[in-house]
PDB file of N, CA and C in Angstrom:
ATOM      1  N   MET A   1     110.637   7.197  21.135  1.00  0.00           N
ATOM      2  CA  MET A   1     109.222   7.222  21.208  1.00  0.00           C
ATOM      3  C   MET A   1     108.547   8.157  20.357  1.00  0.00           C
ATOM      4  N   ARG A   2     109.237   9.426  20.622  1.00  0.00           N
ATOM      5  CA  ARG A   2     108.447  10.547  19.954  1.00  0.00           C
ATOM      6  C   ARG A   2     108.553  10.587  18.557  1.00  0.00           C
ATOM      7  N   GLU A   3     109.661   9.902  18.145  1.00  0.00           N
ATOM      8  CA  GLU A   3     109.806   9.680  16.523  1.00  0.00           C
ATOM      9  C   GLU A   3     108.592   8.788  15.789  1.00  0.00           C
ATOM     10  N   GLN A   4     108.314   7.406  16.922  1.00  0.00           N
ATOM     11  CA  GLN A   4     107.595   6.574  16.366  1.00  0.00           C
ATOM     12  C   GLN A   4     106.431   6.962  16.231  1.00  0.00           C
ATOM     13  N   ALA A   5     106.094   7.929  17.644  1.00  0.00           N
ATOM     14  CA  ALA A   5     104.282   8.540  17.426  1.00  0.00           C
ATOM     15  C   ALA A   5     104.513   9.620  16.408  1.00  0.00           C
ATOM     16  N   ASP A   6     105.553  10.057  16.393  1.00  0.00           N
ATOM     17  CA  ASP A   6     105.082  11.354  14.928  1.00  0.00           C
ATOM     18  C   ASP A   6     104.873  11.075  13.825  1.00  0.00           C
ATOM     19  N   SER A   7     105.432   9.881  13.372  1.00  0.00           N
ATOM     20  CA  SER A   7     105.442   9.387  12.218  1.00  0.00           C
ATOM     21  C   SER A   7     104.462   8.454  11.824  1.00  0.00           C
ATOM     22  N   LEU A   8     103.624   8.386  12.606  1.00  0.00           N
ATOM     23  CA  LEU A   8     102.521   7.178  12.448  1.00  0.00           C
ATOM     24  C   LEU A   8     101.639   7.804  11.503  1.00  0.00           C
ATOM     25  N   GLU A   9     101.102   7.137  10.819  1.00  0.00           N
ATOM     26  CA  GLU A   9      99.749   7.110   9.911  1.00  0.00           C
ATOM     27  C   GLU A   9      99.354   6.117   9.921  1.00  0.00           C
ATOM     28  N   VAL A  10      97.751   5.913  10.117  1.00  0.00           N
ATOM     29  CA  VAL A  10      96.754   4.782  10.010  1.00  0.00           C
ATOM     30  C   VAL A  10      96.128   5.537   8.762  1.00  0.00           C
ATOM     31  N   GLU A  11      95.222   4.309   8.270  1.00  0.00           N
ATOM     32  CA  GLU A  11      94.182   4.093   7.524  1.00  0.00           C
ATOM     33  C   GLU A  11      93.085   4.233   8.465  1.00  0.00           C
ATOM     34  N   GLY A  12      92.140   4.557   7.974  1.00  0.00           N
ATOM     35  CA  GLY A  12      90.494   4.324   8.373  1.00  0.00           C
ATOM     36  C   GLY A  12      89.803   4.020   7.230  1.00  0.00           C
ATOM     37  N   THR A  13      88.785   3.384   6.925  1.00  0.00           N
ATOM     38  CA  THR A  13      88.253   3.299   6.113  1.00  0.00           C
ATOM     39  C   THR A  13      86.612   2.991   6.458  1.00  0.00           C
ATOM     40  N   SER A  14      85.571   3.218   5.943  1.00  0.00           N
ATOM     41  CA  SER A  14      84.384   2.975   5.660  1.00  0.00           C
ATOM     42  C   SER A  14      83.990   2.087   5.953  1.00  0.00           C
ATOM     43  N   LYS A  15      82.462   1.778   6.880  1.00  0.00           N
ATOM     44  CA  LYS A  15      82.087   0.125   6.774  1.00  0.00           C
ATOM     45  C   LYS A  15      82.040  -0.395   5.345  1.00  0.00           C
ATOM     46  N   GLY A  16      81.745   0.629   4.522  1.00  0.00           N
ATOM     47  CA  GLY A  16      80.968   0.050   2.868  1.00  0.00           C
ATOM     48  C   GLY A  16      82.153  -0.133   1.830  1.00  0.00           C
ATOM     49  N   GLY A  17      83.320   0.558   2.510  1.00  0.00           N
ATOM     50  CA  GLY A  17      84.217   0.525   1.913  1.00  0.00           C
ATOM     51  C   GLY A  17      84.599   1.451   0.602  1.00  0.00           C
ATOM     52  N   GLU A  18      83.906   2.399   0.794  1.00  0.00           N
ATOM     53  CA  GLU A  18      83.831   3.634  -0.128  1.00  0.00           C
ATOM     54  C   GLU A  18      85.131   4.823  -0.206  1.00  0.00           C
ATOM     55  N   VAL A  19      85.292   4.492   1.353  1.00  0.00           N
ATOM     56  CA  VAL A  19      86.562   5.712   1.352  1.00  0.00           C
ATOM     57  C   VAL A  19      86.927   5.443   2.561  1.00  0.00           C
ATOM     58  N   THR A  20      88.917   6.051   1.939  1.00  0.00           N
ATOM     59  CA  THR A  20      89.925   5.611   2.935  1.00  0.00           C
ATOM     60  C   THR A  20      90.511   6.744   2.832  1.00  0.00           C
ATOM     61  N   VAL A  21      90.721   6.927   4.069  1.00  0.00           N
ATOM     62  CA  VAL A  21      91.427   8.204   4.774  1.00  0.00           C
ATOM     63  C   VAL A  21      93.250   7.591   5.643  1.00  0.00           C
ATOM     64  N   VAL A  22      93.726   8.349   5.245  1.00  0.00           N
ATOM     65  CA  VAL A  22      95.336   8.467   6.256  1.00  0.00           C
ATOM     66  C   VAL A  22      95.023   9.641   6.820  1.00  0.00           C
ATOM     67  N   VAL A  23      95.550   9.181   8.436  1.00  0.00           N
ATOM     68  CA  VAL A  23      95.674  10.204   9.114  1.00  0.00           C
ATOM     69  C   VAL A  23      96.816   9.997  10.121  1.00  0.00           C
ATOM     70  N   ASP A  24      97.343  11.209  10.676  1.00  0.00           N
ATOM     71  CA  ASP A  24      98.585  11.197  11.678  1.00  0.00           C
ATOM     72  C   ASP A  24      98.023  11.013  12.718  1.00  0.00           C
ATOM     73  N   ALA A  25      98.944  11.084  13.615  1.00  0.00           N
ATOM     74  CA  ALA A  25      99.123  10.686  14.748  1.00  0.00           C
ATOM     75  C   ALA A  25      98.123  11.565  15.391  1.00  0.00           C
ATOM     76  N   ALA A  26      98.018  13.043  14.892  1.00  0.00           N
ATOM     77  CA  ALA A  26      97.362  14.016  15.782  1.00  0.00           C
ATOM     78  C   ALA A  26      95.613  14.191  15.034  1.00  0.00           C
ATOM     79  N   GLY A  27      95.408  12.973  14.121  1.00  0.00           N
ATOM     80  CA  GLY A  27      94.196  12.784  14.189  1.00  0.00           C
ATOM     81  C   GLY A  27      94.248  13.927  12.524  1.00  0.00           C
ATOM     82  N   ARG A  28      95.092  14.160  11.953  1.00  0.00           N
ATOM     83  CA  ARG A  28      95.086  14.930  10.966  1.00  0.00           C
ATOM     84  C   ARG A  28      94.547  14.443   9.548  1.00  0.00           C
ATOM     85  N   VAL A  29      93.791  14.664   8.620  1.00  0.00           N
ATOM     86  CA  VAL A  29      93.745  13.968   7.113  1.00  0.00           C
ATOM     87  C   VAL A  29      94.942  13.894   6.555  1.00  0.00           C
ATOM     88  N   ARG A  30      95.578  13.245   6.127  1.00  0.00           N
ATOM     89  CA  ARG A  30      97.030  13.515   4.923  1.00  0.00           C
ATOM     90  C   ARG A  30      96.221  12.588   3.821  1.00  0.00           C
ATOM     91  N   ASP A  31      95.594  12.110   3.888  1.00  0.00           N
ATOM     92  CA  ASP A  31      95.002  11.345   2.247  1.00  0.00           C
ATOM     93  C   ASP A  31      93.599  11.053   2.189  1.00  0.00           C
ATOM     94  N   VAL A  32      93.081  10.759   1.222  1.00  0.00           N
ATOM     95  CA  VAL A  32      91.488  10.426   1.104  1.00  0.00           C
ATOM     96  C   VAL A  32      91.656   9.464  -0.186  1.00  0.00           C
ATOM     97  N   ARG A  33      90.906   8.402  -0.314  1.00  0.00           N
ATOM     98  CA  ARG A  33      91.051   7.869  -1.288  1.00  0.00           C
ATOM     99  C   ARG A  33      89.284   7.296  -1.408  1.00  0.00           C
ATOM    100  N   PHE A  34      88.933   7.410  -2.843  1.00  0.00           N
ATOM    101  CA  PHE A  34      87.630   6.661  -2.755  1.00  0.00           C
ATOM    102  C   PHE A  34      87.862   5.331  -4.251  1.00  0.00           C
ATOM    103  N   THR A  35      86.687   4.548  -3.585  1.00  0.00           N
ATOM    104  CA  THR A  35      86.662   3.603  -4.757  1.00  0.00           C
ATOM    105  C   THR A  35      85.502   3.467  -5.403  1.00  0.00           C
ATOM    106  N   ALA A  36      85.520   2.474  -6.529  1.00  0.00           N
ATOM    107  CA  ALA A  36      84.294   2.880  -7.410  1.00  0.00           C
ATOM    108  C   ALA A  36      82.573   2.816  -6.658  1.00  0.00           C
ATOM    109  N   ALA A  37      82.794   2.032  -5.539  1.00  0.00           N
ATOM    110  CA  ALA A  37      81.857   2.046  -4.809  1.00  0.00           C
ATOM    111  C   ALA A  37      81.240   3.318  -4.198  1.00  0.00           C
ATOM    112  N   SER A  38      81.974   4.446  -4.167  1.00  0.00           N
ATOM    113  CA  SER A  38      81.951   5.902  -3.949  1.00  0.00           C
ATOM    114  C   SER A  38      81.048   6.347  -4.706  1.00  0.00           C
ATOM    115  N   GLN A  39      80.706   5.905  -5.975  1.00  0.00           N
ATOM    116  CA  GLN A  39      80.481   6.954  -6.972  1.00  0.00           C
ATOM    117  C   GLN A  39      78.543   6.477  -7.403  1.00  0.00           C
ATOM    118  N   VAL A  40      78.318   5.527  -6.372  1.00  0.00           N
ATOM    119  CA  VAL A  40      77.111   5.477  -6.408  1.00  0.00           C
ATOM    120  C   VAL A  40      76.096   5.987  -5.251  1.00  0.00           C
ATOM    121  N   LEU A  41      76.770   6.460  -4.516  1.00  0.00           N
ATOM    122  CA  LEU A  41      76.591   7.308  -3.535  1.00  0.00           C
ATOM    123  C   LEU A  41      75.676   8.650  -3.765  1.00  0.00           C
ATOM    124  N   ASN A  42      75.033   8.991  -2.835  1.00  0.00           N
ATOM    125  CA  ASN A  42      74.284  10.783  -3.237  1.00  0.00           C
ATOM    126  C   ASN A  42      75.481  11.414  -2.366  1.00  0.00           C
ATOM    127  N   PRO A  43      75.683  12.556  -2.255  1.00  0.00           N
ATOM    128  CA  PRO A  43      76.352  13.541  -1.417  1.00  0.00           C
ATOM    129  C   PRO A  43      76.288  13.569  -0.046  1.00  0.00           C
ATOM    130  N   SER A  44      74.568  13.470   0.304  1.00  0.00           N
ATOM    131  CA  SER A  44      75.133  13.048   1.858  1.00  0.00           C
ATOM    132  C   SER A  44      75.734  11.814   2.262  1.00  0.00           C
ATOM    133  N   GLN A  45      75.551  10.582   1.753  1.00  0.00           N
ATOM    134  CA  GLN A  45      76.012   9.731   1.894  1.00  0.00           C
ATOM    135  C   GLN A  45      77.262   9.498   1.861  1.00  0.00           C
ATOM    136  N   LEU A  46      77.976  10.379   0.737  1.00  0.00           N
ATOM    137  CA  LEU A  46      79.269  10.361   0.611  1.00  0.00           C
ATOM    138  C   LEU A  46      80.101  11.369   1.737  1.00  0.00           C
ATOM    139  N   SER A  47      79.367  12.188   2.067  1.00  0.00           N
ATOM    140  CA  SER A  47      79.569  12.713   3.220  1.00  0.00           C
ATOM    141  C   SER A  47      79.849  11.934   4.180  1.00  0.00           C
ATOM    142  N   ALA A  48      79.200  11.061   4.564  1.00  0.00           N
ATOM    143  CA  ALA A  48      78.552  10.346   5.791  1.00  0.00           C
ATOM    144  C   ALA A  48      80.006   8.982   5.712  1.00  0.00           C
ATOM    145  N   ALA A  49      80.305   8.948   4.643  1.00  0.00           N
ATOM    146  CA  ALA A  49      81.462   7.953   4.610  1.00  0.00           C
ATOM    147  C   ALA A  49      82.701   8.774   4.639  1.00  0.00           C
ATOM    148  N   VAL A  50      82.736   9.457   4.546  1.00  0.00           N
ATOM    149  CA  VAL A  50      84.448  10.228   4.240  1.00  0.00           C
ATOM    150  C   VAL A  50      83.914  10.510   6.033  1.00  0.00           C
ATOM    151  N   MET A  51      83.369  10.858   6.590  1.00  0.00           N
ATOM    152  CA  MET A  51      83.449  11.487   7.938  1.00  0.00           C
ATOM    153  C   MET A  51      83.528  10.188   9.192  1.00  0.00           C
ATOM    154  N   GLU A  52      82.722   9.017   8.478  1.00  0.00           N
ATOM    155  CA  GLU A  52      82.898   7.497   8.968  1.00  0.00           C
ATOM    156  C   GLU A  52      84.349   7.035   9.085  1.00  0.00           C
ATOM    157  N   ALA A  53      84.847   7.270   8.115  1.00  0.00           N
ATOM    158  CA  ALA A  53      86.196   6.841   7.262  1.00  0.00           C
ATOM    159  C   ALA A  53      87.142   7.663   8.531  1.00  0.00           C
ATOM    160  N   ILE A  54      87.304   8.956   8.582  1.00  0.00           N
ATOM    161  CA  ILE A  54      87.833  10.060   9.513  1.00  0.00           C
ATOM    162  C   ILE A  54      88.104   9.035  10.897  1.00  0.00           C
ATOM    163  N   ASP A  55      86.462   9.256  11.060  1.00  0.00           N
ATOM    164  CA  ASP A  55      86.671   8.806  12.713  1.00  0.00           C
ATOM    165  C   ASP A  55      87.116   7.512  12.934  1.00  0.00           C
ATOM    166  N   THR A  56      87.457   6.524  12.031  1.00  0.00           N
ATOM    167  CA  THR A  56      87.685   4.980  12.271  1.00  0.00           C
ATOM    168  C   THR A  56      89.176   5.450  12.358  1.00  0.00           C
ATOM    169  N   GLY A  57      89.732   6.500  11.577  1.00  0.00           N
ATOM    170  CA  GLY A  57      91.494   6.502  11.697  1.00  0.00           C
ATOM    171  C   GLY A  57      91.881   7.359  12.810  1.00  0.00           C
ATOM    172  N   ARG A  58      90.886   7.941  13.081  1.00  0.00           N
ATOM    173  CA  ARG A  58      91.268   8.924  14.445  1.00  0.00           C
ATOM    174  C   ARG A  58      90.693   7.704  15.502  1.00  0.00           C
ATOM    175  N   ARG A  59      90.214   7.014  15.369  1.00  0.00           N
ATOM    176  CA  ARG A  59      89.974   6.159  16.883  1.00  0.00           C
ATOM    177  C   ARG A  59      91.191   5.309  17.105  1.00  0.00           C
ATOM    178  N   ASP A  60      91.733   4.840  15.466  1.00  0.00           N
ATOM    179  CA  ASP A  60      92.505   3.843  15.518  1.00  0.00           C
ATOM    180  C   ASP A  60      93.760   4.461  16.017  1.00  0.00           C
ATOM    181  N   ALA A  61      94.360   5.856  15.395  1.00  0.00           N
ATOM    182  CA  ALA A  61      95.421   6.297  15.453  1.00  0.00           C
ATOM    183  C   ALA A  61      95.832   6.754  17.402  1.00  0.00           C
ATOM    184  N   ALA A  62      94.616   6.791  17.967  1.00  0.00           N
ATOM    185  CA  ALA A  62      94.127   7.552  19.372  1.00  0.00           C
ATOM    186  C   ALA A  62      94.819   5.718  19.942  1.00  0.00           C
ATOM    187  N   THR A  63      94.320   4.902  19.526  1.00  0.00           N
ATOM    188  CA  THR A  63      94.512   3.427  20.065  1.00  0.00           C
ATOM    189  C   THR A  63      95.892   3.434  20.044  1.00  0.00           C
ATOM    190  N   ARG A  64      96.493   3.529  18.883  1.00  0.00           N
ATOM    191  CA  ARG A  64      97.972   3.223  18.785  1.00  0.00           C
ATOM    192  C   ARG A  64      99.177   3.964  19.525  1.00  0.00           C
ATOM    193  N   ILE A  65      98.348   5.739  19.865  1.00  0.00           N
ATOM    194  CA  ILE A  65      99.636   6.342  20.342  1.00  0.00           C
ATOM    195  C   ILE A  65      99.324   5.729  21.829  1.00  0.00           C
ATOM    196  N   ARG A  66      98.236   5.493  21.980  1.00  0.00           N
ATOM    197  CA  ARG A  66      98.429   4.614  23.276  1.00  0.00           C
ATOM    198  C   ARG A  66      99.069   4.227  23.733  1.00  0.00           C
ATOM    199  N   ALA A  67      99.215   2.748  22.544  1.00  0.00           N
ATOM    200  CA  ALA A  67      99.843   1.792  23.229  1.00  0.00           C
ATOM    201  C   ALA A  67     101.367   2.350  22.671  1.00  0.00           C
ATOM    202  N   ILE A  68     101.766   2.867  22.189  1.00  0.00           N
ATOM    203  CA  ILE A  68     103.310   3.638  21.972  1.00  0.00           C
ATOM    204  C   ILE A  68     103.789   3.924  23.614  1.00  0.00           C
ATOM    205  N   VAL A  69     102.703   4.775  24.254  1.00  0.00           N
ATOM    206  CA  VAL A  69     103.260   5.634  25.302  1.00  0.00           C
ATOM    207  C   VAL A  69     103.228   4.622  26.108  1.00  0.00           C
ATOM    208  N   ASP A  70     102.255   4.030  26.456  1.00  0.00           N
ATOM    209  CA  ASP A  70     102.098   2.686  27.700  1.00  0.00           C
ATOM    210  C   ASP A  70     103.787   1.957  27.485  1.00  0.00           C
ATOM    211  N   ARG A  71     104.073   1.363  26.269  1.00  0.00           N
ATOM    212  CA  ARG A  71     104.940   0.657  26.205  1.00  0.00           C
ATOM    213  C   ARG A  71     106.210   1.295  26.536  1.00  0.00           C
ATOM    214  N   HIS A  72     106.304   2.363  26.670  1.00  0.00           N
ATOM    215  CA  HIS A  72     107.742   3.303  26.802  1.00  0.00           C
ATOM    216  C   HIS A  72     107.525   3.940  28.301  1.00  0.00           C
ATOM    217  N   ILE A  73     106.339   4.570  28.618  1.00  0.00           N
ATOM    218  CA  ILE A  73     106.484   5.382  30.067  1.00  0.00           C
ATOM    219  C   ILE A  73     105.454   5.104  30.587  1.00  0.00           C
ATOM    220  N   GLY A  74     104.425   4.806  30.376  1.00  0.00           N
ATOM    221  CA  GLY A  74     103.340   3.875  30.781  1.00  0.00           C
ATOM    222  C   GLY A  74     102.179   5.145  30.936  1.00  0.00           C
ATOM    223  N   THR A  75     101.008   4.503  30.602  1.00  0.00           N
ATOM    224  CA  THR A  75      99.797   5.582  30.366  1.00  0.00           C
ATOM    225  C   THR A  75      99.411   6.331  31.851  1.00  0.00           C
ATOM    226  N   ASP A  76     100.016   5.359  32.905  1.00  0.00           N
ATOM    227  CA  ASP A  76      99.810   5.793  34.220  1.00  0.00           C
ATOM    228  C   ASP A  76     100.334   6.815  34.779  1.00  0.00           C
ATOM    229  N   THR A  77     101.198   7.099  34.103  1.00  0.00           N
ATOM    230  CA  THR A  77     102.440   8.143  34.677  1.00  0.00           C
ATOM    231  C   THR A  77     102.159   9.257  34.423  1.00  0.00           C
ATOM    232  N   GLY A  78     102.398  10.412  35.000  1.00  0.00           N
ATOM    233  CA  GLY A  78     102.325  12.060  35.289  1.00  0.00           C
ATOM    234  C   GLY A  78     102.862  12.166  33.515  1.00  0.00           C
ATOM    235  N   LEU A  79     104.120  11.693  32.983  1.00  0.00           N
ATOM    236  CA  LEU A  79     104.464  12.163  31.769  1.00  0.00           C
ATOM    237  C   LEU A  79     103.322  11.535  30.417  1.00  0.00           C
ATOM    238  N   GLY A  80     103.194  10.451  30.878  1.00  0.00           N
ATOM    239  CA  GLY A  80     102.157   9.691  30.017  1.00  0.00           C
ATOM    240  C   GLY A  80     100.846  10.119  29.853  1.00  0.00           C
ATOM    241  N   GLN A  81     100.368  10.670  31.049  1.00  0.00           N
ATOM    242  CA  GLN A  81      99.298  11.365  30.763  1.00  0.00           C
ATOM    243  C   GLN A  81      99.091  12.646  30.213  1.00  0.00           C
ATOM    244  N   ALA A  82     100.397  13.680  30.373  1.00  0.00           N
ATOM    245  CA  ALA A  82     100.455  14.632  29.589  1.00  0.00           C
ATOM    246  C   ALA A  82     100.958  14.611  28.208  1.00  0.00           C
ATOM    247  N   MET A  83     101.745  13.518  27.672  1.00  0.00           N
ATOM    248  CA  MET A  83     101.691  13.159  26.515  1.00  0.00           C
ATOM    249  C   MET A  83     100.649  12.827  25.569  1.00  0.00           C
ATOM    250  N   LEU A  84      99.602  11.946  26.056  1.00  0.00           N
ATOM    251  CA  LEU A  84      98.332  11.713  25.471  1.00  0.00           C
ATOM    252  C   LEU A  84      97.282  12.767  25.895  1.00  0.00           C
ATOM    253  N   GLY A  85      97.288  13.583  26.136  1.00  0.00           N
ATOM    254  CA  GLY A  85      96.947  14.696  26.716  1.00  0.00           C
ATOM    255  C   GLY A  85      96.998  15.995  25.241  1.00  0.00           C
ATOM    256  N   ALA A  86      98.560  15.751  25.344  1.00  0.00           N
ATOM    257  CA  ALA A  86      99.050  17.122  23.932  1.00  0.00           C
ATOM    258  C   ALA A  86      98.502  16.081  22.726  1.00  0.00           C
ATOM    259  N   TYR A  87      98.541  14.882  22.438  1.00  0.00           N
ATOM    260  CA  TYR A  87      97.797  14.149  21.261  1.00  0.00           C
ATOM    261  C   TYR A  87      96.293  14.235  21.348  1.00  0.00           C
ATOM    262  N   GLU A  88      95.884  14.343  22.020  1.00  0.00           N
ATOM    263  CA  GLU A  88      93.918  14.560  21.909  1.00  0.00           C
ATOM    264  C   GLU A  88      94.061  15.941  21.557  1.00  0.00           C
ATOM    265  N   GLN A  89      94.636  16.935  22.346  1.00  0.00           N
ATOM    266  CA  GLN A  89      94.671  18.202  22.127  1.00  0.00           C
ATOM    267  C   GLN A  89      94.946  18.733  20.520  1.00  0.00           C
ATOM    268  N   MET A  90      95.776  18.117  19.849  1.00  0.00           N
ATOM    269  CA  MET A  90      96.114  17.996  18.806  1.00  0.00           C
ATOM    270  C   MET A  90      95.039  18.086  17.913  1.00  0.00           C
ATOM    271  N   ALA A  91      94.457  16.867  18.195  1.00  0.00           N
ATOM    272  CA  ALA A  91      93.766  16.132  17.329  1.00  0.00           C
ATOM    273  C   ALA A  91      92.127  16.851  17.452  1.00  0.00           C
ATOM    274  N   GLY A  92      91.992  17.305  18.170  1.00  0.00           N
ATOM    275  CA  GLY A  92      90.817  18.095  18.219  1.00  0.00           C
ATOM    276  C   GLY A  92      89.497  17.076  18.374  1.00  0.00           C
ATOM    277  N   PRO A  93      88.447  17.981  18.402  1.00  0.00           N
ATOM    278  CA  PRO A  93      86.950  17.114  19.059  1.00  0.00           C
ATOM    279  C   PRO A  93      87.186  16.103  18.040  1.00  0.00           C
ATOM    280  N   LYS A  94      86.447  14.649  18.331  1.00  0.00           N
ATOM    281  CA  LYS A  94      86.507  13.451  17.716  1.00  0.00           C
ATOM    282  C   LYS A  94      85.228  14.054  16.623  1.00  0.00           C
ATOM    283  N   VAL A  95      84.792  13.374  15.196  1.00  0.00           N
ATOM    284  CA  VAL A  95      84.221  13.528  14.393  1.00  0.00           C
ATOM    285  C   VAL A  95      83.050  13.085  14.572  1.00  0.00           C
ATOM    286  N   GLY A  96      82.945  11.854  14.990  1.00  0.00           N
ATOM    287  CA  GLY A  96      81.298  11.719  15.566  1.00  0.00           C
ATOM    288  C   GLY A  96      80.861  12.573  16.732  1.00  0.00           C
ATOM    289  N   ALA A  97      81.704  12.298  17.353  1.00  0.00           N
ATOM    290  CA  ALA A  97      81.336  13.519  18.739  1.00  0.00           C
ATOM    291  C   ALA A  97      80.743  14.982  18.012  1.00  0.00           C
ATOM    292  N   THR A  98      81.530  15.606  17.423  1.00  0.00           N
ATOM    293  CA  THR A  98      81.088  17.077  17.009  1.00  0.00           C
ATOM    294  C   THR A  98      79.928  16.535  16.111  1.00  0.00           C
ATOM    295  N   ARG A  99      80.158  15.940  15.106  1.00  0.00           N
ATOM    296  CA  ARG A  99      78.446  15.794  14.299  1.00  0.00           C
ATOM    297  C   ARG A  99      77.197  15.527  14.885  1.00  0.00           C
ATOM    298  N   ARG A 100      77.483  14.658  16.353  1.00  0.00           N
ATOM    299  CA  ARG A 100      76.607  14.295  17.286  1.00  0.00           C
ATOM    300  C   ARG A 100      75.843  16.088  17.562  1.00  0.00           C
ATOM    301  N   ALA A 101      76.811  16.511  18.267  1.00  0.00           N
ATOM    302  CA  ALA A 101      76.788  18.289  18.644  1.00  0.00           C
ATOM    303  C   ALA A 101      75.957  18.886  17.723  1.00  0.00           C
ATOM    304  N   GLU A 102      76.535  18.957  16.499  1.00  0.00           N
ATOM    305  CA  GLU A 102      75.380  19.980  15.357  1.00  0.00           C
ATOM    306  C   GLU A 102      74.147  19.101  15.086  1.00  0.00           C
ATOM    307  N   GLN A 103      74.128  17.850  14.966  1.00  0.00           N
ATOM    308  CA  GLN A 103      72.777  17.841  14.985  1.00  0.00           C
ATOM    309  C   GLN A 103      71.894  17.825  16.205  1.00  0.00           C
ATOM    310  N   ALA A 104      72.163  17.913  17.637  1.00  0.00           N
ATOM    311  CA  ALA A 104      71.739  18.249  18.764  1.00  0.00           C
ATOM    312  C   ALA A 104      71.125  19.476  18.145  1.00  0.00           C
ATOM    313  N   GLU A 105      72.226  20.502  18.315  1.00  0.00           N
ATOM    314  CA  GLU A 105      72.244  22.014  17.902  1.00  0.00           C
ATOM    315  C   GLU A 105      70.966  21.793  17.211  1.00  0.00           C
ATOM    316  N   GLU A 106      70.931  21.620  15.693  1.00  0.00           N
ATOM    317  CA  GLU A 106      69.818  21.827  15.080  1.00  0.00           C
ATOM    318  C   GLU A 106      68.603  21.303  15.383  1.00  0.00           C
ATOM    319  N   SER A 107      68.184  20.605  16.035  1.00  0.00           N
ATOM    320  CA  SER A 107      67.057  19.886  16.266  1.00  0.00           C
ATOM    321  C   SER A 107      67.022  21.166  17.615  1.00  0.00           C
ATOM    322  N   ARG A 108      67.632  21.564  18.653  1.00  0.00           N
ATOM    323  CA  ARG A 108      67.079  22.317  19.355  1.00  0.00           C
ATOM    324  C   ARG A 108      66.414  23.879  18.372  1.00  0.00           C
ATOM    325  N   ASN A 109      67.076  23.936  17.842  1.00  0.00           N
ATOM    326  CA  ASN A 109      66.630  25.316  16.803  1.00  0.00           C
ATOM    327  C   ASN A 109      65.722  24.864  15.859  1.00  0.00           C
ATOM    328  N   LYS A 110      65.114  23.704  15.592  1.00  0.00           N
ATOM    329  CA  LYS A 110      63.974  23.159  14.951  1.00  0.00           C
ATOM    330  C   LYS A 110      62.767  23.544  16.287  1.00  0.00           C
ATOM    331  N   LYS A 111      63.023  22.630  17.343  1.00  0.00           N
ATOM    332  CA  LYS A 111      62.162  23.135  18.693  1.00  0.00           C
ATOM    333  C   LYS A 111      61.485  24.327  19.204  1.00  0.00           C
ATOM    334  N   ARG A 112      62.904  25.223  18.629  1.00  0.00           N
ATOM    335  CA  ARG A 112      62.714  27.029  19.032  1.00  0.00           C
ATOM    336  C   ARG A 112      62.020  27.533  18.168  1.00  0.00           C
ATOM    337  N   SER A 113      62.284  27.256  16.944  1.00  0.00           N
ATOM    338  CA  SER A 113      61.504  27.745  15.558  1.00  0.00           C
ATOM    339  C   SER A 113      60.278  27.355  15.264  1.00  0.00           C
ATOM    340  N   ALA A 114      59.806  26.169  15.792  1.00  0.00           N
ATOM    341  CA  ALA A 114      58.517  25.477  15.605  1.00  0.00           C
ATOM    342  C   ALA A 114      57.143  26.375  16.322  1.00  0.00           C
ATOM    343  N   PRO A 115      56.018  26.588  15.396  1.00  0.00           N
ATOM    344  CA  PRO A 115      55.340  27.962  15.958  1.00  0.00           C
ATOM    345  C   PRO A 115      54.425  27.064  17.383  1.00  0.00           C
ATOM    346  N   PRO A 116      54.088  27.851  18.137  1.00  0.00           N
ATOM    347  CA  PRO A 116      53.293  27.031  19.825  1.00  0.00           C
ATOM    348  C   PRO A 116      52.409  26.204  18.988  1.00  0.00           C
ATOM    349  N   GLY A 117      51.686  25.304  20.193  1.00  0.00           N
ATOM    350  CA  GLY A 117      50.932  24.678  19.995  1.00  0.00           C
ATOM    351  C   GLY A 117      49.238  25.491  20.134  1.00  0.00           C
ATOM    352  N   LEU A 118      49.944  26.223  21.760  1.00  0.00           N
ATOM    353  CA  LEU A 118      48.925  27.202  22.387  1.00  0.00           C
ATOM    354  C   LEU A 118      49.088  28.170  22.476  1.00  0.00           C
ATOM    355  N   VAL A 119      48.647  29.147  22.186  1.00  0.00           N
ATOM    356  CA  VAL A 119      48.876  30.525  22.276  1.00  0.00           C
ATOM    357  C   VAL A 119      48.143  30.774  23.415  1.00  0.00           C
ATOM    358  N   PHE A 120      48.545  32.091  24.609  1.00  0.00           N
ATOM    359  CA  PHE A 120      47.954  32.422  25.566  1.00  0.00           C
ATOM    360  C   PHE A 120      48.136  33.862  25.706  1.00  0.00           C
ATOM    361  N   PRO A 121      47.386  34.353  26.002  1.00  0.00           N
ATOM    362  CA  PRO A 121      47.348  36.217  25.958  1.00  0.00           C
ATOM    363  C   PRO A 121      47.989  36.429  27.567  1.00  0.00           C
ATOM    364  N   GLY A 122      49.141  37.192  27.340  1.00  0.00           N
ATOM    365  CA  GLY A 122      49.773  37.829  28.468  1.00  0.00           C
ATOM    366  C   GLY A 122      51.135  37.020  28.472  1.00  0.00           C
ATOM    367  N   MET A 123      51.496  36.061  27.782  1.00  0.00           N
ATOM    368  CA  MET A 123      52.600  35.091  27.828  1.00  0.00           C
ATOM    369  C   MET A 123      53.423  35.420  26.809  1.00  0.00           C
TER     370      MET A 123
END
C-alpha cells in the first residue's frame, strides 16, 4: 500500500485547459505544461491558471490517497487516520486556502492604511 501511495502521480488542469501540472501523493508539483491557450493570458491570469491546476491536482491526489488508505486499512482506523494526517502534513496548506488567506491579509492591511473618515482630538 505504501508503495502504491508513494508512487502516485496525478494531473491537475486549469478550467480553461491552459495549464496542466503533475503532483505527487504529497501534493508536490513534479511537472508543469502550458498549452497554446496559455499564450493569450496576461501574467495575472496565467498565475491564477497555474494555481488552479495545482489546487485541482492536490485535491485529486488527496482523494486518491484516501481511497488507497480506505481500501487497505480503513480511514476510520487509528493507523488510517495517522497515514492520512502524514500525507496532509507533507502536502502543506492547500493552494486555494493559502491564496484566500493572503487575500484576506491584503484586505486587512488596506483597511488599516486607509485614512480615517473622521478625526477626533484626543483619540
